[in-house]
Amino acid sequence: MEYYVNTFFLLSLLTILFLSHLPQSAIAAAEEGNNNNNNINNKQKTGHHRGAKLISKVCQNVTQKAFCSSMLLSDPNTHNANLRGLGLIALKQAATNASDISEFIKTKLNDPNVDPEVQDGASDCLEFYIDAAEQLEDSVSAQISKAYKDVETWVNVAVSDSKSCDVALTGYDSVLGNKSEVFRWLCETALTINKMLVNKKKH
């Protein structure tokens, strides 16, 4: 027992002696490193708070508020994004969704067990959603160029494409389930942000 106590005392003494002989520059560097880490953490917290607050403001103006918030927050880039950044994220999410729906429709077209009438409607739907994805990809470029009127026009065309798909599959709603509805919710978010950008530009 006495041996362990003496060993602990000796180690403590050596630690104190080591620290007392450290150059002041090394101590200062260590303190500065800690301060920098604290500053980074504070900035990240501030950015996350700002992003969440902006998302809340945007989603107050759409019909599916919870869905809007959930989708935007699912992208880590939204935490530090400004309104334009959120707009780009929303457009990209809608474009990706349109492409995903197109791929889903292709599986239906390649399924020999699907009714021929359903395949006819699905074939039309595929064209509509391919066009919708292209419209949204063009909208991303337009938003980057601040061509907000073009964004509004092209996103609305994408929404019309989705509705045309619904018509093509009349009587066979189960084929896509709520996929078209979700797509239009994504487009609504993108249009809402675009409208806010237009209003911001006017002031």
N, C-alpha and C. Protein backbone atom coordinates (compact mmCIF):
# COMPACT_ATOMS: atom_id res chain seq x y z
N MET A 1 0.84 -1.21 0.00
CA MET A 1 0.00 0.00 0.00
C MET A 1 0.87 1.24 0.00
N GLU A 2 1.90 1.20 0.83
CA GLU A 2 2.81 2.36 0.92
C GLU A 2 3.52 2.57 -0.41
N TYR A 3 3.80 1.44 -1.09
CA TYR A 3 4.48 1.52 -2.38
C TYR A 3 3.63 2.27 -3.40
N TYR A 4 2.31 1.95 -3.45
CA TYR A 4 1.41 2.59 -4.40
C TYR A 4 1.23 4.06 -4.10
N VAL A 5 1.16 4.40 -2.82
CA VAL A 5 1.01 5.80 -2.43
C VAL A 5 2.23 6.59 -2.86
N ASN A 6 3.40 6.04 -2.62
CA ASN A 6 4.64 6.73 -3.00
C ASN A 6 4.73 6.89 -4.51
N THR A 7 4.31 5.85 -5.23
CA THR A 7 4.34 5.91 -6.71
C THR A 7 3.40 7.00 -7.21
N PHE A 8 2.19 7.06 -6.66
CA PHE A 8 1.22 8.08 -7.06
C PHE A 8 1.76 9.48 -6.78
N PHE A 9 2.37 9.65 -5.59
CA PHE A 9 2.93 10.94 -5.21
C PHE A 9 4.04 11.35 -6.17
N LEU A 10 4.90 10.36 -6.54
CA LEU A 10 6.02 10.65 -7.44
C LEU A 10 5.53 11.06 -8.82
N LEU A 11 4.50 10.36 -9.32
CA LEU A 11 3.95 10.69 -10.63
C LEU A 11 3.31 12.08 -10.63
N SER A 12 2.60 12.41 -9.56
CA SER A 12 1.98 13.73 -9.44
C SER A 12 3.03 14.81 -9.44
N LEU A 13 4.13 14.56 -8.72
CA LEU A 13 5.21 15.55 -8.63
C LEU A 13 5.87 15.76 -9.98
N LEU A 14 6.08 14.65 -10.71
CA LEU A 14 6.70 14.75 -12.04
C LEU A 14 5.80 15.52 -13.00
N THR A 15 4.49 15.29 -12.90
CA THR A 15 3.53 16.00 -13.77
C THR A 15 3.57 17.50 -13.51
N ILE A 16 3.60 17.88 -12.23
CA ILE A 16 3.66 19.30 -11.87
C ILE A 16 4.94 19.93 -12.39
N LEU A 17 6.06 19.21 -12.22
CA LEU A 17 7.35 19.73 -12.69
C LEU A 17 7.37 19.89 -14.20
N PHE A 18 6.74 18.89 -14.91
CA PHE A 18 6.70 18.94 -16.37
C PHE A 18 5.90 20.15 -16.86
N LEU A 19 4.74 20.35 -16.25
CA LEU A 19 3.89 21.47 -16.65
C LEU A 19 4.52 22.81 -16.33
N SER A 20 5.24 22.87 -15.22
CA SER A 20 5.86 24.14 -14.82
C SER A 20 6.98 24.54 -15.75
N HIS A 21 7.55 23.56 -16.47
CA HIS A 21 8.66 23.86 -17.37
C HIS A 21 8.21 23.95 -18.83
N LEU A 22 6.91 23.80 -19.07
CA LEU A 22 6.43 23.95 -20.45
C LEU A 22 6.59 25.40 -20.89
N PRO A 23 7.01 25.63 -22.15
CA PRO A 23 7.10 27.00 -22.65
C PRO A 23 5.73 27.66 -22.62
N GLN A 24 5.74 28.95 -22.34
CA GLN A 24 4.46 29.68 -22.31
C GLN A 24 3.77 29.62 -23.66
N SER A 25 4.57 29.55 -24.73
CA SER A 25 3.98 29.51 -26.07
C SER A 25 3.17 28.23 -26.27
N ALA A 26 3.66 27.12 -25.69
CA ALA A 26 2.94 25.85 -25.82
C ALA A 26 1.63 25.90 -25.05
N ILE A 27 1.68 26.49 -23.85
CA ILE A 27 0.46 26.62 -23.04
C ILE A 27 -0.55 27.52 -23.74
N ALA A 28 -0.03 28.62 -24.31
CA ALA A 28 -0.91 29.56 -25.02
C ALA A 28 -1.53 28.90 -26.24
N ALA A 29 -0.73 28.07 -26.95
CA ALA A 29 -1.23 27.39 -28.14
C ALA A 29 -2.34 26.42 -27.76
N ALA A 30 -2.16 25.72 -26.65
CA ALA A 30 -3.18 24.77 -26.19
C ALA A 30 -4.47 25.50 -25.84
N GLU A 31 -4.32 26.64 -25.14
CA GLU A 31 -5.50 27.42 -24.77
C GLU A 31 -6.20 27.97 -26.01
N GLU A 32 -5.38 28.40 -26.99
CA GLU A 32 -5.97 28.94 -28.23
C GLU A 32 -6.72 27.85 -28.99
N GLY A 33 -6.14 26.64 -28.96
CA GLY A 33 -6.82 25.52 -29.62
C GLY A 33 -8.17 25.24 -28.99
N ASN A 34 -8.22 25.28 -27.68
CA ASN A 34 -9.50 25.07 -26.99
C ASN A 34 -10.50 26.16 -27.33
N ASN A 35 -10.01 27.41 -27.38
CA ASN A 35 -10.89 28.53 -27.72
C ASN A 35 -11.43 28.40 -29.13
N ASN A 36 -10.53 27.97 -30.07
CA ASN A 36 -10.97 27.81 -31.46
C ASN A 36 -12.04 26.73 -31.58
N ASN A 37 -11.84 25.64 -30.85
CA ASN A 37 -12.84 24.57 -30.87
C ASN A 37 -14.18 25.05 -30.32
N ASN A 38 -14.12 25.85 -29.26
CA ASN A 38 -15.35 26.41 -28.69
C ASN A 38 -16.04 27.33 -29.68
N ASN A 39 -15.23 28.15 -30.40
CA ASN A 39 -15.79 29.08 -31.38
C ASN A 39 -16.46 28.32 -32.52
N ILE A 40 -15.80 27.23 -32.97
CA ILE A 40 -16.37 26.44 -34.05
C ILE A 40 -17.69 25.82 -33.61
N ASN A 41 -17.70 25.27 -32.41
CA ASN A 41 -18.94 24.66 -31.89
C ASN A 41 -20.05 25.69 -31.77
N ASN A 42 -19.70 26.90 -31.31
CA ASN A 42 -20.70 27.96 -31.17
C ASN A 42 -21.26 28.37 -32.53
N LYS A 43 -20.36 28.45 -33.54
CA LYS A 43 -20.80 28.83 -34.88
C LYS A 43 -21.72 27.77 -35.47
N GLN A 44 -21.37 26.50 -35.23
CA GLN A 44 -22.21 25.42 -35.73
C GLN A 44 -23.59 25.45 -35.09
N LYS A 45 -23.63 25.70 -33.78
CA LYS A 45 -24.92 25.78 -33.09
C LYS A 45 -25.75 26.95 -33.62
N THR A 46 -25.07 28.09 -33.85
CA THR A 46 -25.76 29.27 -34.37
C THR A 46 -26.30 28.99 -35.76
N GLY A 47 -25.47 28.33 -36.61
CA GLY A 47 -25.90 28.01 -37.96
C GLY A 47 -27.08 27.07 -37.97
N HIS A 48 -27.04 26.04 -37.13
CA HIS A 48 -28.15 25.09 -37.05
C HIS A 48 -29.43 25.78 -36.60
N HIS A 49 -29.31 26.69 -35.64
CA HIS A 49 -30.49 27.41 -35.14
C HIS A 49 -31.06 28.30 -36.24
N ARG A 50 -30.17 28.99 -36.97
CA ARG A 50 -30.62 29.87 -38.04
C ARG A 50 -31.31 29.07 -39.14
N GLY A 51 -30.72 27.92 -39.51
CA GLY A 51 -31.31 27.08 -40.55
C GLY A 51 -32.68 26.56 -40.14
N ALA A 52 -32.80 26.09 -38.91
CA ALA A 52 -34.08 25.56 -38.43
C ALA A 52 -35.14 26.65 -38.38
N LYS A 53 -34.74 27.84 -38.01
CA LYS A 53 -35.67 28.97 -37.92
C LYS A 53 -36.18 29.35 -39.31
N LEU A 54 -35.28 29.34 -40.30
CA LEU A 54 -35.66 29.68 -41.67
C LEU A 54 -36.58 28.61 -42.25
N ILE A 55 -36.27 27.36 -41.97
CA ILE A 55 -37.11 26.26 -42.45
C ILE A 55 -38.52 26.37 -41.86
N SER A 56 -38.59 26.70 -40.59
CA SER A 56 -39.89 26.87 -39.94
C SER A 56 -40.69 27.98 -40.61
N LYS A 57 -40.01 29.05 -40.97
CA LYS A 57 -40.66 30.19 -41.63
C LYS A 57 -41.19 29.79 -43.00
N VAL A 58 -40.39 29.04 -43.74
CA VAL A 58 -40.79 28.58 -45.07
C VAL A 58 -42.00 27.66 -44.98
N CYS A 59 -41.91 26.70 -44.09
CA CYS A 59 -42.92 25.64 -44.02
C CYS A 59 -44.26 26.11 -43.43
N GLN A 60 -44.28 27.29 -42.85
CA GLN A 60 -45.54 27.86 -42.38
C GLN A 60 -46.44 28.22 -43.55
N ASN A 61 -45.86 28.31 -44.76
CA ASN A 61 -46.60 28.77 -45.93
C ASN A 61 -47.02 27.64 -46.87
N VAL A 62 -46.85 26.39 -46.44
CA VAL A 62 -47.26 25.27 -47.29
C VAL A 62 -48.36 24.47 -46.61
N THR A 63 -49.02 23.62 -47.37
CA THR A 63 -50.14 22.86 -46.81
C THR A 63 -49.66 21.72 -45.91
N GLN A 64 -48.54 21.11 -46.27
CA GLN A 64 -48.01 19.98 -45.49
C GLN A 64 -46.78 20.45 -44.70
N LYS A 65 -47.04 21.14 -43.61
CA LYS A 65 -45.96 21.77 -42.84
C LYS A 65 -44.95 20.77 -42.27
N ALA A 66 -45.45 19.71 -41.66
CA ALA A 66 -44.56 18.72 -41.04
C ALA A 66 -43.70 18.02 -42.10
N PHE A 67 -44.31 17.70 -43.23
CA PHE A 67 -43.58 17.06 -44.32
C PHE A 67 -42.50 17.99 -44.85
N CYS A 68 -42.85 19.24 -45.03
CA CYS A 68 -41.91 20.26 -45.52
C CYS A 68 -40.69 20.33 -44.60
N SER A 69 -40.92 20.46 -43.32
CA SER A 69 -39.82 20.56 -42.36
C SER A 69 -38.96 19.30 -42.36
N SER A 70 -39.63 18.16 -42.37
CA SER A 70 -38.92 16.88 -42.33
C SER A 70 -38.01 16.71 -43.54
N MET A 71 -38.52 17.04 -44.72
CA MET A 71 -37.73 16.87 -45.94
C MET A 71 -36.54 17.82 -45.99
N LEU A 72 -36.76 19.08 -45.64
CA LEU A 72 -35.66 20.04 -45.68
C LEU A 72 -34.60 19.71 -44.64
N LEU A 73 -35.04 19.34 -43.45
CA LEU A 73 -34.09 19.02 -42.38
C LEU A 73 -33.33 17.72 -42.65
N SER A 74 -33.85 16.89 -43.56
CA SER A 74 -33.17 15.63 -43.88
C SER A 74 -31.87 15.86 -44.64
N ASP A 75 -31.73 17.05 -45.21
CA ASP A 75 -30.49 17.41 -45.90
C ASP A 75 -29.61 18.21 -44.95
N PRO A 76 -28.42 17.71 -44.60
CA PRO A 76 -27.56 18.41 -43.63
C PRO A 76 -27.12 19.80 -44.09
N ASN A 77 -27.19 20.04 -45.40
CA ASN A 77 -26.79 21.35 -45.92
C ASN A 77 -27.77 22.46 -45.56
N THR A 78 -28.98 22.08 -45.13
CA THR A 78 -29.97 23.10 -44.80
C THR A 78 -29.63 23.82 -43.50
N HIS A 79 -28.81 23.20 -42.65
CA HIS A 79 -28.52 23.78 -41.34
C HIS A 79 -27.87 25.16 -41.44
N ASN A 80 -27.03 25.35 -42.46
CA ASN A 80 -26.35 26.63 -42.62
C ASN A 80 -26.79 27.37 -43.88
N ALA A 81 -27.87 26.91 -44.50
CA ALA A 81 -28.30 27.50 -45.77
C ALA A 81 -29.10 28.78 -45.58
N ASN A 82 -28.93 29.70 -46.54
CA ASN A 82 -29.79 30.88 -46.59
C ASN A 82 -31.02 30.51 -47.43
N LEU A 83 -31.86 31.50 -47.74
CA LEU A 83 -33.10 31.21 -48.45
C LEU A 83 -32.83 30.64 -49.84
N ARG A 84 -31.85 31.20 -50.55
CA ARG A 84 -31.50 30.68 -51.88
C ARG A 84 -30.99 29.25 -51.78
N GLY A 85 -30.20 29.00 -50.76
CA GLY A 85 -29.68 27.64 -50.55
C GLY A 85 -30.80 26.65 -50.31
N LEU A 86 -31.78 27.06 -49.52
CA LEU A 86 -32.94 26.19 -49.27
C LEU A 86 -33.71 25.94 -50.56
N GLY A 87 -33.80 26.98 -51.39
CA GLY A 87 -34.50 26.85 -52.67
C GLY A 87 -33.85 25.80 -53.55
N LEU A 88 -32.53 25.83 -53.61
CA LEU A 88 -31.80 24.85 -54.42
C LEU A 88 -32.00 23.43 -53.88
N ILE A 89 -31.95 23.31 -52.57
CA ILE A 89 -32.14 22.00 -51.94
C ILE A 89 -33.54 21.46 -52.25
N ALA A 90 -34.55 22.32 -52.14
CA ALA A 90 -35.93 21.90 -52.40
C ALA A 90 -36.11 21.46 -53.85
N LEU A 91 -35.52 22.21 -54.78
CA LEU A 91 -35.62 21.86 -56.20
C LEU A 91 -34.92 20.54 -56.49
N LYS A 92 -33.76 20.35 -55.89
CA LYS A 92 -33.02 19.10 -56.12
C LYS A 92 -33.76 17.90 -55.53
N GLN A 93 -34.40 18.11 -54.39
CA GLN A 93 -35.18 17.02 -53.79
C GLN A 93 -36.35 16.64 -54.70
N ALA A 94 -37.01 17.65 -55.27
CA ALA A 94 -38.13 17.38 -56.17
C ALA A 94 -37.66 16.69 -57.44
N ALA A 95 -36.52 17.14 -57.98
CA ALA A 95 -35.96 16.53 -59.20
C ALA A 95 -35.58 15.07 -58.96
N THR A 96 -34.95 14.82 -57.83
CA THR A 96 -34.56 13.45 -57.48
C THR A 96 -35.79 12.56 -57.31
N ASN A 97 -36.83 13.12 -56.71
CA ASN A 97 -38.06 12.37 -56.51
C ASN A 97 -38.71 12.02 -57.84
N ALA A 98 -38.70 12.96 -58.78
CA ALA A 98 -39.27 12.70 -60.11
C ALA A 98 -38.50 11.58 -60.81
N SER A 99 -37.19 11.59 -60.67
CA SER A 99 -36.36 10.54 -61.27
C SER A 99 -36.64 9.19 -60.61
N ASP A 100 -36.82 9.21 -59.30
CA ASP A 100 -37.12 7.97 -58.57
C ASP A 100 -38.46 7.38 -59.02
N ILE A 101 -39.44 8.25 -59.23
CA ILE A 101 -40.75 7.79 -59.69
C ILE A 101 -40.63 7.20 -61.09
N SER A 102 -39.82 7.84 -61.93
CA SER A 102 -39.60 7.32 -63.29
C SER A 102 -39.04 5.90 -63.24
N GLU A 103 -38.07 5.69 -62.36
CA GLU A 103 -37.47 4.36 -62.23
C GLU A 103 -38.49 3.35 -61.71
N PHE A 104 -39.36 3.80 -60.81
CA PHE A 104 -40.40 2.92 -60.28
C PHE A 104 -41.36 2.51 -61.39
N ILE A 105 -41.73 3.48 -62.23
CA ILE A 105 -42.66 3.20 -63.33
C ILE A 105 -42.05 2.19 -64.30
N LYS A 106 -40.75 2.30 -64.52
CA LYS A 106 -40.07 1.36 -65.42
C LYS A 106 -40.21 -0.08 -64.94
N THR A 107 -40.18 -0.26 -63.61
CA THR A 107 -40.34 -1.62 -63.07
C THR A 107 -41.73 -2.16 -63.38
N LYS A 108 -42.72 -1.27 -63.39
CA LYS A 108 -44.09 -1.68 -63.72
C LYS A 108 -44.19 -2.07 -65.19
N LEU A 109 -43.50 -1.30 -66.03
CA LEU A 109 -43.54 -1.57 -67.47
C LEU A 109 -42.85 -2.88 -67.81
N ASN A 110 -41.88 -3.26 -67.00
CA ASN A 110 -41.13 -4.50 -67.25
C ASN A 110 -41.73 -5.71 -66.54
N ASP A 111 -42.82 -5.48 -65.84
CA ASP A 111 -43.47 -6.57 -65.10
C ASP A 111 -44.53 -7.23 -65.98
N PRO A 112 -44.33 -8.48 -66.38
CA PRO A 112 -45.29 -9.15 -67.27
C PRO A 112 -46.64 -9.42 -66.61
N ASN A 113 -46.69 -9.31 -65.30
CA ASN A 113 -47.94 -9.57 -64.58
C ASN A 113 -48.85 -8.35 -64.49
N VAL A 114 -48.35 -7.20 -64.93
CA VAL A 114 -49.14 -5.97 -64.87
C VAL A 114 -50.11 -5.93 -66.05
N ASP A 115 -51.34 -5.54 -65.77
CA ASP A 115 -52.39 -5.45 -66.78
C ASP A 115 -51.94 -4.55 -67.94
N PRO A 116 -52.21 -4.94 -69.20
CA PRO A 116 -51.82 -4.13 -70.37
C PRO A 116 -52.35 -2.70 -70.33
N GLU A 117 -53.57 -2.53 -69.83
CA GLU A 117 -54.14 -1.18 -69.73
C GLU A 117 -53.35 -0.34 -68.74
N VAL A 118 -52.92 -0.96 -67.66
CA VAL A 118 -52.11 -0.26 -66.67
C VAL A 118 -50.77 0.12 -67.28
N GLN A 119 -50.21 -0.79 -68.07
CA GLN A 119 -48.92 -0.52 -68.70
C GLN A 119 -49.03 0.64 -69.69
N ASP A 120 -50.16 0.74 -70.37
CA ASP A 120 -50.37 1.87 -71.29
C ASP A 120 -50.34 3.19 -70.53
N GLY A 121 -51.07 3.22 -69.42
CA GLY A 121 -51.08 4.44 -68.60
C GLY A 121 -49.73 4.71 -67.99
N ALA A 122 -49.05 3.66 -67.56
CA ALA A 122 -47.73 3.81 -66.96
C ALA A 122 -46.72 4.32 -67.98
N SER A 123 -46.88 3.89 -69.23
CA SER A 123 -45.99 4.36 -70.30
C SER A 123 -46.12 5.87 -70.48
N ASP A 124 -47.37 6.36 -70.44
CA ASP A 124 -47.59 7.81 -70.52
C ASP A 124 -46.99 8.50 -69.30
N CYS A 125 -47.18 7.89 -68.14
CA CYS A 125 -46.66 8.46 -66.90
C CYS A 125 -45.15 8.60 -66.94
N LEU A 126 -44.50 7.60 -67.51
CA LEU A 126 -43.04 7.63 -67.58
C LEU A 126 -42.58 8.86 -68.35
N GLU A 127 -43.23 9.14 -69.46
CA GLU A 127 -42.88 10.32 -70.25
C GLU A 127 -43.12 11.60 -69.45
N PHE A 128 -44.23 11.62 -68.73
CA PHE A 128 -44.54 12.82 -67.93
C PHE A 128 -43.49 13.06 -66.85
N TYR A 129 -43.09 12.00 -66.16
CA TYR A 129 -42.14 12.19 -65.06
C TYR A 129 -40.71 12.42 -65.54
N ILE A 130 -40.38 11.88 -66.70
CA ILE A 130 -39.07 12.20 -67.28
C ILE A 130 -39.02 13.68 -67.61
N ASP A 131 -40.12 14.19 -68.17
CA ASP A 131 -40.18 15.62 -68.47
C ASP A 131 -40.16 16.44 -67.19
N ALA A 132 -40.87 15.98 -66.17
CA ALA A 132 -40.90 16.70 -64.88
C ALA A 132 -39.50 16.82 -64.30
N ALA A 133 -38.73 15.73 -64.36
CA ALA A 133 -37.36 15.76 -63.84
C ALA A 133 -36.51 16.76 -64.62
N GLU A 134 -36.70 16.81 -65.93
CA GLU A 134 -35.93 17.75 -66.76
C GLU A 134 -36.31 19.19 -66.44
N GLN A 135 -37.60 19.43 -66.24
CA GLN A 135 -38.07 20.77 -65.90
C GLN A 135 -37.44 21.24 -64.58
N LEU A 136 -37.35 20.33 -63.64
CA LEU A 136 -36.81 20.69 -62.32
C LEU A 136 -35.30 20.87 -62.37
N GLU A 137 -34.62 20.08 -63.19
CA GLU A 137 -33.18 20.26 -63.35
C GLU A 137 -32.88 21.62 -63.98
N ASP A 138 -33.72 22.00 -64.96
CA ASP A 138 -33.58 23.34 -65.56
C ASP A 138 -33.88 24.42 -64.53
N SER A 139 -34.80 24.13 -63.64
CA SER A 139 -35.16 25.10 -62.59
C SER A 139 -34.00 25.34 -61.64
N VAL A 140 -33.22 24.31 -61.38
CA VAL A 140 -32.04 24.47 -60.52
C VAL A 140 -31.08 25.48 -61.15
N SER A 141 -30.82 25.32 -62.44
CA SER A 141 -29.93 26.26 -63.15
C SER A 141 -30.52 27.66 -63.15
N ALA A 142 -31.83 27.76 -63.34
CA ALA A 142 -32.49 29.06 -63.36
C ALA A 142 -32.41 29.73 -61.99
N GLN A 143 -32.55 28.95 -60.94
CA GLN A 143 -32.48 29.52 -59.59
C GLN A 143 -31.08 30.04 -59.29
N ILE A 144 -30.07 29.31 -59.75
CA ILE A 144 -28.69 29.76 -59.56
C ILE A 144 -28.47 31.09 -60.26
N SER A 145 -29.14 31.26 -61.42
CA SER A 145 -29.02 32.51 -62.19
C SER A 145 -30.00 33.58 -61.71
N LYS A 146 -30.76 33.26 -60.67
CA LYS A 146 -31.77 34.17 -60.11
C LYS A 146 -32.90 34.46 -61.11
N ALA A 147 -33.14 33.52 -62.02
CA ALA A 147 -34.24 33.67 -62.98
C ALA A 147 -35.49 33.05 -62.35
N TYR A 148 -36.01 33.75 -61.36
CA TYR A 148 -37.08 33.19 -60.54
C TYR A 148 -38.39 32.97 -61.30
N LYS A 149 -38.64 33.79 -62.31
CA LYS A 149 -39.84 33.62 -63.12
C LYS A 149 -39.78 32.30 -63.88
N ASP A 150 -38.60 31.98 -64.39
CA ASP A 150 -38.43 30.70 -65.09
C ASP A 150 -38.61 29.53 -64.13
N VAL A 151 -38.11 29.69 -62.92
CA VAL A 151 -38.27 28.64 -61.91
C VAL A 151 -39.76 28.36 -61.68
N GLU A 152 -40.51 29.43 -61.49
CA GLU A 152 -41.96 29.29 -61.26
C GLU A 152 -42.63 28.57 -62.42
N THR A 153 -42.30 28.99 -63.64
CA THR A 153 -42.90 28.40 -64.83
C THR A 153 -42.59 26.91 -64.95
N TRP A 154 -41.33 26.58 -64.79
CA TRP A 154 -40.91 25.19 -65.02
C TRP A 154 -41.35 24.24 -63.91
N VAL A 155 -41.38 24.73 -62.68
CA VAL A 155 -41.87 23.87 -61.59
C VAL A 155 -43.36 23.60 -61.77
N ASN A 156 -44.09 24.62 -62.21
CA ASN A 156 -45.52 24.43 -62.46
C ASN A 156 -45.77 23.45 -63.61
N VAL A 157 -44.88 23.45 -64.59
CA VAL A 157 -44.98 22.47 -65.68
C VAL A 157 -44.78 21.06 -65.12
N ALA A 158 -43.82 20.94 -64.21
CA ALA A 158 -43.57 19.64 -63.57
C ALA A 158 -44.79 19.16 -62.79
N VAL A 159 -45.44 20.09 -62.11
CA VAL A 159 -46.67 19.75 -61.37
C VAL A 159 -47.76 19.29 -62.33
N SER A 160 -47.88 19.99 -63.46
CA SER A 160 -48.87 19.61 -64.48
C SER A 160 -48.57 18.22 -65.04
N ASP A 161 -47.29 17.92 -65.23
CA ASP A 161 -46.89 16.59 -65.69
C ASP A 161 -47.39 15.52 -64.72
N SER A 162 -47.22 15.80 -63.44
CA SER A 162 -47.64 14.85 -62.40
C SER A 162 -49.15 14.62 -62.44
N LYS A 163 -49.89 15.71 -62.61
CA LYS A 163 -51.35 15.60 -62.67
C LYS A 163 -51.79 14.85 -63.93
N SER A 164 -51.05 15.05 -65.02
CA SER A 164 -51.37 14.33 -66.27
C SER A 164 -51.14 12.83 -66.09
N CYS A 165 -50.15 12.49 -65.30
CA CYS A 165 -49.90 11.08 -64.99
C CYS A 165 -51.08 10.50 -64.24
N ASP A 166 -51.61 11.26 -63.30
CA ASP A 166 -52.78 10.80 -62.53
C ASP A 166 -53.94 10.49 -63.47
N VAL A 167 -54.13 11.36 -64.46
CA VAL A 167 -55.21 11.17 -65.43
C VAL A 167 -54.97 9.90 -66.25
N ALA A 168 -53.71 9.70 -66.64
CA ALA A 168 -53.36 8.52 -67.45
C ALA A 168 -53.61 7.22 -66.70
N LEU A 169 -53.53 7.30 -65.38
CA LEU A 169 -53.74 6.11 -64.55
C LEU A 169 -55.09 6.14 -63.82
N THR A 170 -56.04 6.86 -64.36
CA THR A 170 -57.37 6.93 -63.75
C THR A 170 -57.96 5.52 -63.60
N GLY A 171 -58.39 5.23 -62.38
CA GLY A 171 -58.93 3.90 -62.11
C GLY A 171 -57.88 2.93 -61.61
N TYR A 172 -56.63 3.37 -61.68
CA TYR A 172 -55.53 2.51 -61.21
C TYR A 172 -54.64 3.29 -60.25
N ASP A 173 -55.28 3.94 -59.31
CA ASP A 173 -54.55 4.81 -58.37
C ASP A 173 -53.50 4.06 -57.55
N SER A 174 -53.73 2.78 -57.36
CA SER A 174 -52.82 2.01 -56.50
C SER A 174 -51.45 1.80 -57.14
N VAL A 175 -51.34 2.05 -58.42
CA VAL A 175 -50.07 1.82 -59.12
C VAL A 175 -48.96 2.68 -58.53
N LEU A 176 -49.25 3.96 -58.34
CA LEU A 176 -48.25 4.87 -57.78
C LEU A 176 -48.50 5.19 -56.31
N GLY A 177 -49.65 4.76 -55.80
CA GLY A 177 -49.95 5.08 -54.40
C GLY A 177 -50.01 6.59 -54.20
N ASN A 178 -49.28 7.07 -53.19
CA ASN A 178 -49.27 8.52 -52.94
C ASN A 178 -48.01 9.19 -53.48
N LYS A 179 -47.31 8.51 -54.38
CA LYS A 179 -46.05 9.05 -54.90
C LYS A 179 -46.24 10.39 -55.61
N SER A 180 -47.29 10.50 -56.43
CA SER A 180 -47.53 11.75 -57.14
C SER A 180 -47.86 12.88 -56.16
N GLU A 181 -48.62 12.54 -55.15
CA GLU A 181 -49.00 13.53 -54.14
C GLU A 181 -47.76 14.04 -53.40
N VAL A 182 -46.88 13.14 -53.01
CA VAL A 182 -45.64 13.52 -52.33
C VAL A 182 -44.79 14.39 -53.24
N PHE A 183 -44.73 14.02 -54.51
CA PHE A 183 -43.96 14.82 -55.47
C PHE A 183 -44.48 16.25 -55.53
N ARG A 184 -45.80 16.39 -55.55
CA ARG A 184 -46.37 17.74 -55.63
C ARG A 184 -46.14 18.52 -54.33
N TRP A 185 -46.06 17.83 -53.21
CA TRP A 185 -45.72 18.52 -51.95
C TRP A 185 -44.30 19.09 -52.04
N LEU A 186 -43.39 18.31 -52.61
CA LEU A 186 -42.02 18.79 -52.78
C LEU A 186 -41.97 20.01 -53.69
N CYS A 187 -42.75 19.95 -54.76
CA CYS A 187 -42.81 21.09 -55.69
C CYS A 187 -43.41 22.32 -55.01
N GLU A 188 -44.40 22.09 -54.16
CA GLU A 188 -45.02 23.21 -53.44
C GLU A 188 -43.99 23.92 -52.56
N THR A 189 -43.15 23.14 -51.90
CA THR A 189 -42.10 23.73 -51.06
C THR A 189 -41.16 24.57 -51.92
N ALA A 190 -40.76 24.02 -53.06
CA ALA A 190 -39.85 24.74 -53.96
C ALA A 190 -40.49 26.03 -54.47
N LEU A 191 -41.76 25.97 -54.82
CA LEU A 191 -42.47 27.16 -55.31
C LEU A 191 -42.63 28.20 -54.21
N THR A 192 -42.86 27.74 -52.99
CA THR A 192 -43.02 28.66 -51.86
C THR A 192 -41.72 29.43 -51.61
N ILE A 193 -40.61 28.72 -51.63
CA ILE A 193 -39.32 29.38 -51.42
C ILE A 193 -39.03 30.34 -52.57
N ASN A 194 -39.36 29.92 -53.79
CA ASN A 194 -39.13 30.78 -54.95
C ASN A 194 -39.93 32.08 -54.83
N LYS A 195 -41.17 31.97 -54.36
CA LYS A 195 -42.01 33.15 -54.17
C LYS A 195 -41.41 34.08 -53.12
N MET A 196 -40.87 33.50 -52.06
CA MET A 196 -40.23 34.30 -51.01
C MET A 196 -38.99 35.02 -51.55
N LEU A 197 -38.27 34.36 -52.45
CA LEU A 197 -37.09 34.98 -53.06
C LEU A 197 -37.49 36.14 -53.96
N VAL A 198 -38.60 35.97 -54.68
CA VAL A 198 -39.11 37.05 -55.54
C VAL A 198 -39.50 38.25 -54.70
N ASN A 199 -40.22 38.01 -53.61
CA ASN A 199 -40.64 39.10 -52.73
C ASN A 199 -39.44 39.79 -52.09
N LYS A 200 -38.43 39.01 -51.75
CA LYS A 200 -37.22 39.56 -51.14
C LYS A 200 -36.48 40.45 -52.13
N LYS A 201 -36.51 40.04 -53.40
CA LYS A 201 -35.83 40.80 -54.45
C LYS A 201 -36.50 42.14 -54.68
N LYS A 202 -37.82 42.20 -54.47
CA LYS A 202 -38.57 43.44 -54.71
C LYS A 202 -38.26 44.50 -53.66
N HIS A 203 -37.88 44.07 -52.46
CA HIS A 203 -37.66 45.02 -51.36
C HIS A 203 -36.21 45.45 -51.27
